[in-house]
N, C-alpha and C. Protein backbone atom coordinates (compact mmCIF):
# COMPACT_ATOMS: atom_id res chain seq x y z
N UNK A 1 55.73 199.37 121.74
CA UNK A 1 56.95 200.19 121.60
C UNK A 1 56.63 201.52 120.94
N UNK A 2 55.70 201.52 119.99
CA UNK A 2 55.38 202.75 119.28
C UNK A 2 54.85 203.81 120.24
N UNK A 3 53.99 203.38 121.17
CA UNK A 3 53.44 204.34 122.13
C UNK A 3 54.55 204.88 123.04
N UNK A 4 55.43 203.98 123.48
CA UNK A 4 56.51 204.43 124.37
C UNK A 4 57.44 205.40 123.65
N UNK A 5 57.69 205.14 122.36
CA UNK A 5 58.58 206.02 121.61
C UNK A 5 58.02 207.43 121.56
N UNK A 6 56.70 207.54 121.43
CA UNK A 6 56.08 208.87 121.37
C UNK A 6 56.20 209.60 122.69
N UNK A 7 56.02 208.89 123.81
CA UNK A 7 56.08 209.54 125.11
C UNK A 7 57.52 209.78 125.54
N UNK A 8 58.42 208.88 125.15
CA UNK A 8 59.83 209.03 125.53
C UNK A 8 60.41 210.30 124.92
N UNK A 9 59.88 210.74 123.79
CA UNK A 9 60.40 211.93 123.14
C UNK A 9 60.31 213.16 124.02
N UNK A 10 59.41 213.16 124.99
CA UNK A 10 59.24 214.32 125.85
C UNK A 10 60.21 214.29 127.03
N UNK A 11 60.65 213.10 127.43
CA UNK A 11 61.49 213.00 128.62
C UNK A 11 62.87 213.64 128.46
N UNK A 12 63.56 213.47 127.34
CA UNK A 12 64.90 214.07 127.19
C UNK A 12 64.90 215.56 127.49
N UNK A 13 63.87 216.27 127.07
CA UNK A 13 63.83 217.72 127.33
C UNK A 13 63.76 217.98 128.82
N UNK A 14 62.91 217.23 129.52
CA UNK A 14 62.79 217.42 130.98
C UNK A 14 64.10 217.03 131.67
N UNK A 15 64.69 215.91 131.24
CA UNK A 15 65.93 215.46 131.86
C UNK A 15 67.04 216.48 131.62
N UNK A 16 67.10 217.03 130.40
CA UNK A 16 68.13 218.02 130.09
C UNK A 16 67.96 219.24 130.98
N UNK A 17 66.71 219.66 131.20
CA UNK A 17 66.48 220.83 132.06
C UNK A 17 66.92 220.55 133.48
N UNK A 18 66.56 219.37 133.99
CA UNK A 18 66.93 219.02 135.37
C UNK A 18 68.44 218.89 135.50
N UNK A 19 69.06 218.17 134.55
CA UNK A 19 70.51 217.95 134.60
C UNK A 19 71.24 219.28 134.46
N UNK A 20 70.81 220.12 133.52
CA UNK A 20 71.48 221.40 133.31
C UNK A 20 71.34 222.27 134.55
N UNK A 21 70.19 222.20 135.22
CA UNK A 21 69.98 222.99 136.44
C UNK A 21 70.92 222.52 137.53
N UNK A 22 71.05 221.20 137.69
CA UNK A 22 71.95 220.65 138.71
C UNK A 22 73.40 220.99 138.37
N UNK A 23 73.76 220.87 137.08
CA UNK A 23 75.12 221.18 136.67
C UNK A 23 75.43 222.64 136.93
N UNK A 24 74.46 223.52 136.69
CA UNK A 24 74.67 224.95 136.92
C UNK A 24 74.91 225.22 138.40
N UNK A 25 74.12 224.60 139.26
CA UNK A 25 74.28 224.80 140.70
C UNK A 25 75.63 224.28 141.16
N UNK A 26 76.02 223.09 140.71
CA UNK A 26 77.30 222.51 141.11
C UNK A 26 78.45 223.35 140.56
N UNK A 27 78.27 223.91 139.35
CA UNK A 27 79.31 224.73 138.74
C UNK A 27 79.48 226.03 139.53
N UNK A 28 78.35 226.61 139.95
CA UNK A 28 78.42 227.85 140.73
C UNK A 28 79.13 227.60 142.06
N UNK A 29 78.83 226.47 142.69
CA UNK A 29 79.48 226.16 143.96
C UNK A 29 80.97 225.89 143.75
N UNK A 30 81.32 225.28 142.63
CA UNK A 30 82.72 224.95 142.36
C UNK A 30 83.54 226.21 142.08
N UNK A 31 82.88 227.23 141.52
CA UNK A 31 83.62 228.45 141.16
C UNK A 31 83.70 229.43 142.32
N UNK A 32 83.05 229.12 143.43
CA UNK A 32 83.11 230.04 144.57
C UNK A 32 84.50 230.04 145.19
């Protein structure tokens, strides 16, 4: 678990970037 905890710390940043990018694209399409 200790090893996974160290590597998992990096995933939230990547997920946030991907999710925020998708949300931005969907938001732009919704505001058209």
